[in-house]
């Protein structure tokens, strides 16, 4: 069992989730139950699955949860690209968030590679 709060990838993914919530506050009200909600759910899913996996009994289970977190990160990236293309996110915000996301994706992959399976 890992202490998820000490994992840098968890810390950075929590920061990312907070940033996406702040970003989506400016989305149009008609997007509240569609793209806004999907973005926020995907963003929260990343640190949640890292934490959930860290609390499991073995590395194989942890690796599985890290895979789910990686999948959520890809979903989030797709949603952010769509939001940018339809003009809901400006280029600077899009690049900043996707840059954070790319770093987190690499960290998840490295953590998966480091686990004994």
PDB file of N, CA and C in Angstrom:
ATOM      1  N   UNK A   1       0.843  -1.183   0.000  1.00  0.00           N
ATOM      2  CA  UNK A   1       0.000   0.000   0.000  1.00  0.00           C
ATOM      3  C   UNK A   1       0.880   1.236   0.000  1.00  0.00           C
ATOM      4  N   UNK A   2       0.593   2.155  -0.893  1.00  0.00           N
ATOM      5  CA  UNK A   2       1.352   3.392  -1.043  1.00  0.00           C
ATOM      6  C   UNK A   2       0.609   4.539  -0.351  1.00  0.00           C
ATOM      7  N   UNK A   3       1.360   5.502   0.139  1.00  0.00           N
ATOM      8  CA  UNK A   3       0.743   6.718   0.667  1.00  0.00           C
ATOM      9  C   UNK A   3       0.519   7.648  -0.521  1.00  0.00           C
ATOM     10  N   UNK A   4      -0.691   7.650  -1.060  1.00  0.00           N
ATOM     11  CA  UNK A   4      -0.976   8.392  -2.281  1.00  0.00           C
ATOM     12  C   UNK A   4      -0.697   9.880  -2.162  1.00  0.00           C
ATOM     13  N   UNK A   5      -0.842  10.439  -0.964  1.00  0.00           N
ATOM     14  CA  UNK A   5      -0.634  11.879  -0.791  1.00  0.00           C
ATOM     15  C   UNK A   5       0.818  12.278  -1.009  1.00  0.00           C
ATOM     16  N   UNK A   6       1.734  11.323  -0.891  1.00  0.00           N
ATOM     17  CA  UNK A   6       3.150  11.600  -1.117  1.00  0.00           C
ATOM     18  C   UNK A   6       3.561  11.427  -2.576  1.00  0.00           C
ATOM     19  N   UNK A   7       2.694  10.856  -3.383  1.00  0.00           N
ATOM     20  CA  UNK A   7       3.017  10.656  -4.794  1.00  0.00           C
ATOM     21  C   UNK A   7       2.905  11.983  -5.554  1.00  0.00           C
ATOM     22  N   UNK A   8       3.985  12.381  -6.202  1.00  0.00           N
ATOM     23  CA  UNK A   8       3.991  13.642  -6.973  1.00  0.00           C
ATOM     24  C   UNK A   8       2.917  13.637  -8.058  1.00  0.00           C
ATOM     25  N   UNK A   9       2.718  12.482  -8.677  1.00  0.00           N
ATOM     26  CA  UNK A   9       1.719  12.394  -9.739  1.00  0.00           C
ATOM     27  C   UNK A   9       0.316  12.649  -9.190  1.00  0.00           C
ATOM     28  N   UNK A  10       0.049  12.188  -7.986  1.00  0.00           N
ATOM     29  CA  UNK A  10      -1.254  12.459  -7.368  1.00  0.00           C
ATOM     30  C   UNK A  10      -1.376  13.956  -7.075  1.00  0.00           C
ATOM     31  N   UNK A  11      -0.328  14.547  -6.495  1.00  0.00           N
ATOM     32  CA  UNK A  11      -0.344  15.973  -6.154  1.00  0.00           C
ATOM     33  C   UNK A  11      -0.575  16.828  -7.401  1.00  0.00           C
ATOM     34  N   UNK A  12       0.143  16.508  -8.474  1.00  0.00           N
ATOM     35  CA  UNK A  12      -0.006  17.283  -9.714  1.00  0.00           C
ATOM     36  C   UNK A  12      -1.379  17.077 -10.346  1.00  0.00           C
ATOM     37  N   UNK A  13      -1.914  15.874 -10.227  1.00  0.00           N
ATOM     38  CA  UNK A  13      -3.227  15.639 -10.819  1.00  0.00           C
ATOM     39  C   UNK A  13      -4.347  16.306 -10.018  1.00  0.00           C
ATOM     40  N   UNK A  14      -4.164  16.460  -8.720  1.00  0.00           N
ATOM     41  CA  UNK A  14      -5.126  17.233  -7.921  1.00  0.00           C
ATOM     42  C   UNK A  14      -5.069  18.698  -8.367  1.00  0.00           C
ATOM     43  N   UNK A  15      -3.863  19.222  -8.540  1.00  0.00           N
ATOM     44  CA  UNK A  15      -3.710  20.603  -9.026  1.00  0.00           C
ATOM     45  C   UNK A  15      -4.395  20.781 -10.382  1.00  0.00           C
ATOM     46  N   UNK A  16      -4.218  19.803 -11.255  1.00  0.00           N
ATOM     47  CA  UNK A  16      -4.845  19.854 -12.575  1.00  0.00           C
ATOM     48  C   UNK A  16      -6.368  19.868 -12.458  1.00  0.00           C
ATOM     49  N   UNK A  17      -6.913  19.037 -11.587  1.00  0.00           N
ATOM     50  CA  UNK A  17      -8.365  18.996 -11.397  1.00  0.00           C
ATOM     51  C   UNK A  17      -8.889  20.349 -10.921  1.00  0.00           C
ATOM     52  N   UNK A  18      -8.178  20.958  -9.987  1.00  0.00           N
ATOM     53  CA  UNK A  18      -8.570  22.285  -9.502  1.00  0.00           C
ATOM     54  C   UNK A  18      -8.518  23.298 -10.658  1.00  0.00           C
ATOM     55  N   UNK A  19      -7.460  23.241 -11.447  1.00  0.00           N
ATOM     56  CA  UNK A  19      -7.326  24.166 -12.585  1.00  0.00           C
ATOM     57  C   UNK A  19      -8.448  23.982 -13.605  1.00  0.00           C
ATOM     58  N   UNK A  20      -8.847  22.731 -13.851  1.00  0.00           N
ATOM     59  CA  UNK A  20      -9.927  22.521 -14.819  1.00  0.00           C
ATOM     60  C   UNK A  20     -11.266  23.023 -14.276  1.00  0.00           C
ATOM     61  N   UNK A  21     -11.485  22.876 -12.983  1.00  0.00           N
ATOM     62  CA  UNK A  21     -12.714  23.422 -12.386  1.00  0.00           C
ATOM     63  C   UNK A  21     -12.747  24.945 -12.527  1.00  0.00           C
ATOM     64  N   UNK A  22     -11.612  25.572 -12.281  1.00  0.00           N
ATOM     65  CA  UNK A  22     -11.555  27.027 -12.420  1.00  0.00           C
ATOM     66  C   UNK A  22     -11.768  27.441 -13.873  1.00  0.00           C
ATOM     67  N   UNK A  23     -11.207  26.672 -14.789  1.00  0.00           N
ATOM     68  CA  UNK A  23     -11.349  26.966 -16.216  1.00  0.00           C
ATOM     69  C   UNK A  23     -12.796  26.821 -16.673  1.00  0.00           C
ATOM     70  N   UNK A  24     -13.459  25.767 -16.234  1.00  0.00           N
ATOM     71  CA  UNK A  24     -14.824  25.519 -16.712  1.00  0.00           C
ATOM     72  C   UNK A  24     -15.865  26.429 -16.053  1.00  0.00           C
ATOM     73  N   UNK A  25     -15.467  27.159 -15.020  1.00  0.00           N
ATOM     74  CA  UNK A  25     -16.401  28.129 -14.418  1.00  0.00           C
ATOM     75  C   UNK A  25     -16.854  29.166 -15.434  1.00  0.00           C
ATOM     76  N   UNK A  26     -16.013  29.414 -16.428  1.00  0.00           N
ATOM     77  CA  UNK A  26     -16.316  30.428 -17.441  1.00  0.00           C
ATOM     78  C   UNK A  26     -17.046  29.868 -18.659  1.00  0.00           C
ATOM     79  N   UNK A  27     -17.334  28.585 -18.659  1.00  0.00           N
ATOM     80  CA  UNK A  27     -18.045  27.991 -19.792  1.00  0.00           C
ATOM     81  C   UNK A  27     -19.488  28.481 -19.806  1.00  0.00           C
ATOM     82  N   UNK A  28     -20.118  28.481 -20.970  1.00  0.00           N
ATOM     83  CA  UNK A  28     -21.518  28.914 -21.058  1.00  0.00           C
ATOM     84  C   UNK A  28     -22.430  28.030 -20.213  1.00  0.00           C
ATOM     85  N   UNK A  29     -23.475  28.614 -19.644  1.00  0.00           N
ATOM     86  CA  UNK A  29     -24.401  27.846 -18.794  1.00  0.00           C
ATOM     87  C   UNK A  29     -25.022  26.639 -19.501  1.00  0.00           C
ATOM     88  N   UNK A  30     -25.233  26.754 -20.799  1.00  0.00           N
ATOM     89  CA  UNK A  30     -25.850  25.631 -21.520  1.00  0.00           C
ATOM     90  C   UNK A  30     -24.932  24.412 -21.617  1.00  0.00           C
ATOM     91  N   UNK A  31     -23.663  24.585 -21.272  1.00  0.00           N
ATOM     92  CA  UNK A  31     -22.709  23.467 -21.273  1.00  0.00           C
ATOM     93  C   UNK A  31     -22.581  22.805 -19.901  1.00  0.00           C
ATOM     94  N   UNK A  32     -23.325  23.284 -18.916  1.00  0.00           N
ATOM     95  CA  UNK A  32     -23.190  22.789 -17.546  1.00  0.00           C
ATOM     96  C   UNK A  32     -23.332  21.276 -17.444  1.00  0.00           C
ATOM     97  N   UNK A  33     -24.264  20.699 -18.178  1.00  0.00           N
ATOM     98  CA  UNK A  33     -24.522  19.266 -18.066  1.00  0.00           C
ATOM     99  C   UNK A  33     -23.931  18.463 -19.215  1.00  0.00           C
ATOM    100  N   UNK A  34     -23.057  19.066 -19.975  1.00  0.00           N
ATOM    101  CA  UNK A  34     -22.435  18.306 -21.056  1.00  0.00           C
ATOM    102  C   UNK A  34     -20.916  18.402 -20.949  1.00  0.00           C
ATOM    103  N   UNK A  35     -20.302  19.235 -21.743  1.00  0.00           N
ATOM    104  CA  UNK A  35     -18.838  19.285 -21.793  1.00  0.00           C
ATOM    105  C   UNK A  35     -18.220  19.717 -20.459  1.00  0.00           C
ATOM    106  N   UNK A  36     -18.815  20.661 -19.779  1.00  0.00           N
ATOM    107  CA  UNK A  36     -18.300  21.105 -18.474  1.00  0.00           C
ATOM    108  C   UNK A  36     -18.237  19.931 -17.504  1.00  0.00           C
ATOM    109  N   UNK A  37     -19.324  19.202 -17.412  1.00  0.00           N
ATOM    110  CA  UNK A  37     -19.398  18.067 -16.494  1.00  0.00           C
ATOM    111  C   UNK A  37     -18.434  16.951 -16.898  1.00  0.00           C
ATOM    112  N   UNK A  38     -18.314  16.687 -18.182  1.00  0.00           N
ATOM    113  CA  UNK A  38     -17.397  15.646 -18.649  1.00  0.00           C
ATOM    114  C   UNK A  38     -15.950  16.008 -18.335  1.00  0.00           C
ATOM    115  N   UNK A  39     -15.583  17.248 -18.568  1.00  0.00           N
ATOM    116  CA  UNK A  39     -14.215  17.695 -18.288  1.00  0.00           C
ATOM    117  C   UNK A  39     -13.911  17.556 -16.809  1.00  0.00           C
ATOM    118  N   UNK A  40     -14.805  18.033 -15.974  1.00  0.00           N
ATOM    119  CA  UNK A  40     -14.557  17.975 -14.536  1.00  0.00           C
ATOM    120  C   UNK A  40     -14.510  16.536 -14.024  1.00  0.00           C
ATOM    121  N   UNK A  41     -15.375  15.680 -14.535  1.00  0.00           N
ATOM    122  CA  UNK A  41     -15.364  14.269 -14.115  1.00  0.00           C
ATOM    123  C   UNK A  41     -14.068  13.576 -14.522  1.00  0.00           C
ATOM    124  N   UNK A  42     -13.634  13.823 -15.738  1.00  0.00           N
ATOM    125  CA  UNK A  42     -12.377  13.211 -16.198  1.00  0.00           C
ATOM    126  C   UNK A  42     -11.205  13.698 -15.366  1.00  0.00           C
ATOM    127  N   UNK A  43     -11.188  14.993 -15.078  1.00  0.00           N
ATOM    128  CA  UNK A  43     -10.092  15.572 -14.300  1.00  0.00           C
ATOM    129  C   UNK A  43     -10.049  14.998 -12.888  1.00  0.00           C
ATOM    130  N   UNK A  44     -11.195  14.850 -12.257  1.00  0.00           N
ATOM    131  CA  UNK A  44     -11.264  14.301 -10.894  1.00  0.00           C
ATOM    132  C   UNK A  44     -10.938  12.810 -10.891  1.00  0.00           C
ATOM    133  N   UNK A  45     -11.257  12.135 -11.960  1.00  0.00           N
ATOM    134  CA  UNK A  45     -11.016  10.697 -12.056  1.00  0.00           C
ATOM    135  C   UNK A  45      -9.520  10.361 -11.995  1.00  0.00           C
ATOM    136  N   UNK A  46      -8.674  11.240 -12.480  1.00  0.00           N
ATOM    137  CA  UNK A  46      -7.237  10.944 -12.514  1.00  0.00           C
ATOM    138  C   UNK A  46      -6.673  10.780 -11.104  1.00  0.00           C
ATOM    139  N   UNK A  47      -6.735  11.808 -10.231  1.00  0.00           N
ATOM    140  CA  UNK A  47      -6.190  11.602  -8.882  1.00  0.00           C
ATOM    141  C   UNK A  47      -6.997  10.591  -8.064  1.00  0.00           C
ATOM    142  N   UNK A  48      -8.299  10.485  -8.342  1.00  0.00           N
ATOM    143  CA  UNK A  48      -9.123   9.529  -7.603  1.00  0.00           C
ATOM    144  C   UNK A  48      -8.673   8.098  -7.869  1.00  0.00           C
ATOM    145  N   UNK A  49      -8.370   7.782  -9.112  1.00  0.00           N
ATOM    146  CA  UNK A  49      -7.927   6.431  -9.432  1.00  0.00           C
ATOM    147  C   UNK A  49      -6.502   6.166  -8.968  1.00  0.00           C
ATOM    148  N   UNK A  50      -5.670   7.178  -8.959  1.00  0.00           N
ATOM    149  CA  UNK A  50      -4.322   7.012  -8.399  1.00  0.00           C
ATOM    150  C   UNK A  50      -4.434   6.683  -6.919  1.00  0.00           C
ATOM    151  N   UNK A  51      -5.274   7.430  -6.213  1.00  0.00           N
ATOM    152  CA  UNK A  51      -5.468   7.189  -4.778  1.00  0.00           C
ATOM    153  C   UNK A  51      -6.105   5.824  -4.535  1.00  0.00           C
ATOM    154  N   UNK A  52      -7.122   5.501  -5.323  1.00  0.00           N
ATOM    155  CA  UNK A  52      -7.792   4.219  -5.169  1.00  0.00           C
ATOM    156  C   UNK A  52      -6.854   3.048  -5.396  1.00  0.00           C
ATOM    157  N   UNK A  53      -6.005   3.161  -6.386  1.00  0.00           N
ATOM    158  CA  UNK A  53      -5.038   2.105  -6.667  1.00  0.00           C
ATOM    159  C   UNK A  53      -3.976   1.988  -5.601  1.00  0.00           C
ATOM    160  N   UNK A  54      -3.561   3.135  -5.067  1.00  0.00           N
ATOM    161  CA  UNK A  54      -2.529   3.126  -4.022  1.00  0.00           C
ATOM    162  C   UNK A  54      -3.024   2.418  -2.770  1.00  0.00           C
ATOM    163  N   UNK A  55      -4.312   2.425  -2.564  1.00  0.00           N
ATOM    164  CA  UNK A  55      -4.883   1.780  -1.385  1.00  0.00           C
ATOM    165  C   UNK A  55      -5.168   0.300  -1.565  1.00  0.00           C
ATOM    166  N   UNK A  56      -4.867  -0.233  -2.715  1.00  0.00           N
ATOM    167  CA  UNK A  56      -5.127  -1.651  -2.981  1.00  0.00           C
ATOM    168  C   UNK A  56      -4.052  -2.543  -2.380  1.00  0.00           C
ATOM    169  N   UNK A  57      -4.291  -3.826  -2.461  1.00  0.00           N
ATOM    170  CA  UNK A  57      -3.450  -4.802  -1.779  1.00  0.00           C
ATOM    171  C   UNK A  57      -2.149  -5.144  -2.475  1.00  0.00           C
ATOM    172  N   UNK A  58      -2.087  -4.953  -3.791  1.00  0.00           N
ATOM    173  CA  UNK A  58      -0.866  -5.356  -4.485  1.00  0.00           C
ATOM    174  C   UNK A  58      -0.596  -4.473  -5.701  1.00  0.00           C
ATOM    175  N   UNK A  59       0.589  -4.645  -6.252  1.00  0.00           N
ATOM    176  CA  UNK A  59       1.022  -3.824  -7.380  1.00  0.00           C
ATOM    177  C   UNK A  59       0.183  -4.047  -8.632  1.00  0.00           C
ATOM    178  N   UNK A  60      -0.293  -5.277  -8.825  1.00  0.00           N
ATOM    179  CA  UNK A  60      -1.109  -5.555 -10.003  1.00  0.00           C
ATOM    180  C   UNK A  60      -2.393  -4.721  -9.976  1.00  0.00           C
ATOM    181  N   UNK A  61      -3.033  -4.657  -8.820  1.00  0.00           N
ATOM    182  CA  UNK A  61      -4.251  -3.850  -8.693  1.00  0.00           C
ATOM    183  C   UNK A  61      -3.929  -2.361  -8.853  1.00  0.00           C
ATOM    184  N   UNK A  62      -2.826  -1.927  -8.255  1.00  0.00           N
ATOM    185  CA  UNK A  62      -2.413  -0.520  -8.378  1.00  0.00           C
ATOM    186  C   UNK A  62      -2.185  -0.184  -9.847  1.00  0.00           C
ATOM    187  N   UNK A  63      -1.508  -1.065 -10.573  1.00  0.00           N
ATOM    188  CA  UNK A  63      -1.232  -0.854 -11.984  1.00  0.00           C
ATOM    189  C   UNK A  63      -2.536  -0.723 -12.782  1.00  0.00           C
ATOM    190  N   UNK A  64      -3.526  -1.534 -12.440  1.00  0.00           N
ATOM    191  CA  UNK A  64      -4.811  -1.460 -13.118  1.00  0.00           C
ATOM    192  C   UNK A  64      -5.463  -0.092 -12.912  1.00  0.00           C
ATOM    193  N   UNK A  65      -5.443   0.405 -11.686  1.00  0.00           N
ATOM    194  CA  UNK A  65      -6.023   1.724 -11.406  1.00  0.00           C
ATOM    195  C   UNK A  65      -5.235   2.840 -12.092  1.00  0.00           C
ATOM    196  N   UNK A  66      -3.925   2.671 -12.185  1.00  0.00           N
ATOM    197  CA  UNK A  66      -3.121   3.660 -12.916  1.00  0.00           C
ATOM    198  C   UNK A  66      -3.510   3.662 -14.397  1.00  0.00           C
ATOM    199  N   UNK A  67      -3.831   2.492 -14.930  1.00  0.00           N
ATOM    200  CA  UNK A  67      -4.305   2.417 -16.309  1.00  0.00           C
ATOM    201  C   UNK A  67      -5.621   3.157 -16.497  1.00  0.00           C
ATOM    202  N   UNK A  68      -6.494   3.048 -15.524  1.00  0.00           N
ATOM    203  CA  UNK A  68      -7.764   3.779 -15.583  1.00  0.00           C
ATOM    204  C   UNK A  68      -7.504   5.284 -15.508  1.00  0.00           C
ATOM    205  N   UNK A  69      -6.573   5.691 -14.632  1.00  0.00           N
ATOM    206  CA  UNK A  69      -6.210   7.116 -14.536  1.00  0.00           C
ATOM    207  C   UNK A  69      -5.639   7.616 -15.862  1.00  0.00           C
ATOM    208  N   UNK A  70      -4.820   6.789 -16.505  1.00  0.00           N
ATOM    209  CA  UNK A  70      -4.256   7.170 -17.805  1.00  0.00           C
ATOM    210  C   UNK A  70      -5.360   7.321 -18.845  1.00  0.00           C
ATOM    211  N   UNK A  71      -6.331   6.406 -18.816  1.00  0.00           N
ATOM    212  CA  UNK A  71      -7.466   6.512 -19.731  1.00  0.00           C
ATOM    213  C   UNK A  71      -8.264   7.780 -19.498  1.00  0.00           C
ATOM    214  N   UNK A  72      -8.480   8.124 -18.244  1.00  0.00           N
ATOM    215  CA  UNK A  72      -9.188   9.373 -17.921  1.00  0.00           C
ATOM    216  C   UNK A  72      -8.411  10.587 -18.413  1.00  0.00           C
ATOM    217  N   UNK A  73      -7.089  10.507 -18.345  1.00  0.00           N
ATOM    218  CA  UNK A  73      -6.276  11.631 -18.819  1.00  0.00           C
ATOM    219  C   UNK A  73      -6.424  11.808 -20.331  1.00  0.00           C
ATOM    220  N   UNK A  74      -6.543  10.704 -21.063  1.00  0.00           N
ATOM    221  CA  UNK A  74      -6.760  10.789 -22.514  1.00  0.00           C
ATOM    222  C   UNK A  74      -8.144  11.344 -22.834  1.00  0.00           C
ATOM    223  N   UNK A  75      -9.135  10.934 -22.043  1.00  0.00           N
ATOM    224  CA  UNK A  75     -10.481  11.492 -22.206  1.00  0.00           C
ATOM    225  C   UNK A  75     -10.458  12.998 -21.970  1.00  0.00           C
ATOM    226  N   UNK A  76      -9.790  13.409 -20.899  1.00  0.00           N
ATOM    227  CA  UNK A  76      -9.710  14.833 -20.580  1.00  0.00           C
ATOM    228  C   UNK A  76      -9.020  15.601 -21.699  1.00  0.00           C
ATOM    229  N   UNK A  77      -7.936  15.055 -22.206  1.00  0.00           N
ATOM    230  CA  UNK A  77      -7.218  15.732 -23.297  1.00  0.00           C
ATOM    231  C   UNK A  77      -8.131  15.908 -24.511  1.00  0.00           C
ATOM    232  N   UNK A  78      -8.881  14.883 -24.849  1.00  0.00           N
ATOM    233  CA  UNK A  78      -9.813  14.959 -25.978  1.00  0.00           C
ATOM    234  C   UNK A  78     -10.867  16.034 -25.741  1.00  0.00           C
ATOM    235  N   UNK A  79     -11.422  16.063 -24.548  1.00  0.00           N
ATOM    236  CA  UNK A  79     -12.456  17.059 -24.221  1.00  0.00           C
ATOM    237  C   UNK A  79     -11.898  18.478 -24.267  1.00  0.00           C
ATOM    238  N   UNK A  80     -10.668  18.657 -23.813  1.00  0.00           N
ATOM    239  CA  UNK A  80     -10.044  19.979 -23.855  1.00  0.00           C
ATOM    240  C   UNK A  80      -9.776  20.414 -25.291  1.00  0.00           C
ATOM    241  N   UNK A  81      -9.372  19.483 -26.136  1.00  0.00           N
ATOM    242  CA  UNK A  81      -9.151  19.806 -27.555  1.00  0.00           C
ATOM    243  C   UNK A  81     -10.462  20.244 -28.200  1.00  0.00           C
ATOM    244  N   UNK A  82     -11.526  19.525 -27.902  1.00  0.00           N
ATOM    245  CA  UNK A  82     -12.834  19.894 -28.445  1.00  0.00           C
ATOM    246  C   UNK A  82     -13.255  21.268 -27.938  1.00  0.00           C
ATOM    247  N   UNK A  83     -13.109  21.496 -26.629  1.00  0.00           N
ATOM    248  CA  UNK A  83     -13.479  22.805 -26.056  1.00  0.00           C
ATOM    249  C   UNK A  83     -12.677  23.931 -26.696  1.00  0.00           C
ATOM    250  N   UNK A  84     -11.425  23.681 -26.980  1.00  0.00           N
ATOM    251  CA  UNK A  84     -10.590  24.700 -27.637  1.00  0.00           C
ATOM    252  C   UNK A  84     -11.064  24.939 -29.071  1.00  0.00           C
ATOM    253  N   UNK A  85     -11.323  23.867 -29.785  1.00  0.00           N
ATOM    254  CA  UNK A  85     -11.733  24.004 -31.191  1.00  0.00           C
ATOM    255  C   UNK A  85     -13.065  24.715 -31.359  1.00  0.00           C
ATOM    256  N   UNK A  86     -13.950  24.581 -30.381  1.00  0.00           N
ATOM    257  CA  UNK A  86     -15.243  25.274 -30.516  1.00  0.00           C
ATOM    258  C   UNK A  86     -15.229  26.653 -29.836  1.00  0.00           C
ATOM    259  N   UNK A  87     -14.048  27.058 -29.363  1.00  0.00           N
ATOM    260  CA  UNK A  87     -13.884  28.415 -28.852  1.00  0.00           C
ATOM    261  C   UNK A  87     -14.218  28.623 -27.393  1.00  0.00           C
ATOM    262  N   UNK A  88     -14.342  27.546 -26.631  1.00  0.00           N
ATOM    263  CA  UNK A  88     -14.657  27.701 -25.210  1.00  0.00           C
ATOM    264  C   UNK A  88     -13.405  27.903 -24.363  1.00  0.00           C
ATOM    265  N   UNK A  89     -12.259  27.522 -24.903  1.00  0.00           N
ATOM    266  CA  UNK A  89     -10.981  27.699 -24.210  1.00  0.00           C
ATOM    267  C   UNK A  89     -10.029  28.402 -25.172  1.00  0.00           C
ATOM    268  N   UNK A  90      -9.339  29.423 -24.682  1.00  0.00           N
ATOM    269  CA  UNK A  90      -8.382  30.107 -25.540  1.00  0.00           C
ATOM    270  C   UNK A  90      -7.088  29.279 -25.650  1.00  0.00           C
ATOM    271  N   UNK A  91      -6.243  29.629 -26.578  1.00  0.00           N
ATOM    272  CA  UNK A  91      -5.021  28.863 -26.851  1.00  0.00           C
ATOM    273  C   UNK A  91      -4.090  28.783 -25.657  1.00  0.00           C
ATOM    274  N   UNK A  92      -3.926  29.886 -24.945  1.00  0.00           N
ATOM    275  CA  UNK A  92      -3.018  29.884 -23.789  1.00  0.00           C
ATOM    276  C   UNK A  92      -3.491  28.923 -22.704  1.00  0.00           C
ATOM    277  N   UNK A  93      -4.771  28.975 -22.374  1.00  0.00           N
ATOM    278  CA  UNK A  93      -5.313  28.073 -21.354  1.00  0.00           C
ATOM    279  C   UNK A  93      -5.238  26.625 -21.812  1.00  0.00           C
ATOM    280  N   UNK A  94      -5.564  26.392 -23.065  1.00  0.00           N
ATOM    281  CA  UNK A  94      -5.528  25.038 -23.607  1.00  0.00           C
ATOM    282  C   UNK A  94      -4.114  24.469 -23.539  1.00  0.00           C
ATOM    283  N   UNK A  95      -3.140  25.237 -23.992  1.00  0.00           N
ATOM    284  CA  UNK A  95      -1.748  24.776 -23.982  1.00  0.00           C
ATOM    285  C   UNK A  95      -1.245  24.539 -22.572  1.00  0.00           C
ATOM    286  N   UNK A  96      -1.617  25.397 -21.645  1.00  0.00           N
ATOM    287  CA  UNK A  96      -1.181  25.266 -20.259  1.00  0.00           C
ATOM    288  C   UNK A  96      -1.724  23.990 -19.617  1.00  0.00           C
ATOM    289  N   UNK A  97      -3.019  23.770 -19.756  1.00  0.00           N
ATOM    290  CA  UNK A  97      -3.643  22.590 -19.156  1.00  0.00           C
ATOM    291  C   UNK A  97      -3.131  21.307 -19.825  1.00  0.00           C
ATOM    292  N   UNK A  98      -3.035  21.319 -21.143  1.00  0.00           N
ATOM    293  CA  UNK A  98      -2.571  20.115 -21.847  1.00  0.00           C
ATOM    294  C   UNK A  98      -1.112  19.827 -21.536  1.00  0.00           C
ATOM    295  N   UNK A  99      -0.328  20.864 -21.291  1.00  0.00           N
ATOM    296  CA  UNK A  99       1.070  20.662 -20.884  1.00  0.00           C
ATOM    297  C   UNK A  99       1.138  19.969 -19.515  1.00  0.00           C
ATOM    298  N   UNK A 100       0.325  20.431 -18.582  1.00  0.00           N
ATOM    299  CA  UNK A 100       0.247  19.776 -17.268  1.00  0.00           C
ATOM    300  C   UNK A 100      -0.191  18.318 -17.432  1.00  0.00           C
ATOM    301  N   UNK A 101      -1.169  18.118 -18.266  1.00  0.00           N
ATOM    302  CA  UNK A 101      -1.721  16.788 -18.495  1.00  0.00           C
ATOM    303  C   UNK A 101      -0.676  15.856 -19.109  1.00  0.00           C
ATOM    304  N   UNK A 102       0.094  16.359 -20.036  1.00  0.00           N
ATOM    305  CA  UNK A 102       1.145  15.563 -20.669  1.00  0.00           C
ATOM    306  C   UNK A 102       2.184  15.109 -19.647  1.00  0.00           C
ATOM    307  N   UNK A 103       2.547  16.002 -18.753  1.00  0.00           N
ATOM    308  CA  UNK A 103       3.497  15.647 -17.696  1.00  0.00           C
ATOM    309  C   UNK A 103       2.916  14.554 -16.788  1.00  0.00           C
ATOM    310  N   UNK A 104       1.654  14.684 -16.444  1.00  0.00           N
ATOM    311  CA  UNK A 104       0.991  13.690 -15.598  1.00  0.00           C
ATOM    312  C   UNK A 104       0.923  12.343 -16.312  1.00  0.00           C
ATOM    313  N   UNK A 105       0.611  12.349 -17.592  1.00  0.00           N
ATOM    314  CA  UNK A 105       0.555  11.102 -18.359  1.00  0.00           C
ATOM    315  C   UNK A 105       1.911  10.391 -18.338  1.00  0.00           C
ATOM    316  N   UNK A 106       2.986  11.138 -18.505  1.00  0.00           N
ATOM    317  CA  UNK A 106       4.331  10.551 -18.452  1.00  0.00           C
ATOM    318  C   UNK A 106       4.636   9.996 -17.062  1.00  0.00           C
ATOM    319  N   UNK A 107       4.218  10.716 -16.035  1.00  0.00           N
ATOM    320  CA  UNK A 107       4.459  10.271 -14.665  1.00  0.00           C
ATOM    321  C   UNK A 107       3.687   8.984 -14.357  1.00  0.00           C
ATOM    322  N   UNK A 108       2.459   8.899 -14.838  1.00  0.00           N
ATOM    323  CA  UNK A 108       1.669   7.684 -14.637  1.00  0.00           C
ATOM    324  C   UNK A 108       2.371   6.502 -15.304  1.00  0.00           C
ATOM    325  N   UNK A 109       2.820   6.696 -16.531  1.00  0.00           N
ATOM    326  CA  UNK A 109       3.491   5.630 -17.268  1.00  0.00           C
ATOM    327  C   UNK A 109       4.764   5.175 -16.539  1.00  0.00           C
ATOM    328  N   UNK A 110       5.547   6.137 -16.058  1.00  0.00           N
ATOM    329  CA  UNK A 110       6.777   5.777 -15.337  1.00  0.00           C
ATOM    330  C   UNK A 110       6.468   5.050 -14.032  1.00  0.00           C
ATOM    331  N   UNK A 111       5.416   5.481 -13.359  1.00  0.00           N
ATOM    332  CA  UNK A 111       5.033   4.799 -12.124  1.00  0.00           C
ATOM    333  C   UNK A 111       4.598   3.370 -12.434  1.00  0.00           C
ATOM    334  N   UNK A 112       3.841   3.193 -13.499  1.00  0.00           N
ATOM    335  CA  UNK A 112       3.443   1.841 -13.888  1.00  0.00           C
ATOM    336  C   UNK A 112       4.663   0.966 -14.183  1.00  0.00           C
ATOM    337  N   UNK A 113       5.642   1.555 -14.872  1.00  0.00           N
ATOM    338  CA  UNK A 113       6.851   0.795 -15.231  1.00  0.00           C
ATOM    339  C   UNK A 113       7.668   0.409 -13.997  1.00  0.00           C
ATOM    340  N   UNK A 114       7.551   1.195 -12.930  1.00  0.00           N
ATOM    341  CA  UNK A 114       8.356   0.945 -11.731  1.00  0.00           C
ATOM    342  C   UNK A 114       7.745  -0.105 -10.799  1.00  0.00           C
ATOM    343  N   UNK A 115       6.479  -0.447 -11.043  1.00  0.00           N
ATOM    344  CA  UNK A 115       5.807  -1.398 -10.150  1.00  0.00           C
ATOM    345  C   UNK A 115       6.229  -2.844 -10.437  1.00  0.00           C
ATOM    346  N   UNK A 116       6.525  -3.589  -9.391  1.00  0.00           N
ATOM    347  CA  UNK A 116       6.819  -5.014  -9.607  1.00  0.00           C
ATOM    348  C   UNK A 116       5.515  -5.781  -9.868  1.00  0.00           C
ATOM    349  N   UNK A 117       5.497  -6.452 -10.980  1.00  0.00           N
ATOM    350  CA  UNK A 117       4.264  -7.189 -11.332  1.00  0.00           C
ATOM    351  C   UNK A 117       4.588  -8.647 -11.598  1.00  0.00           C
TER     352      UNK A 117
END
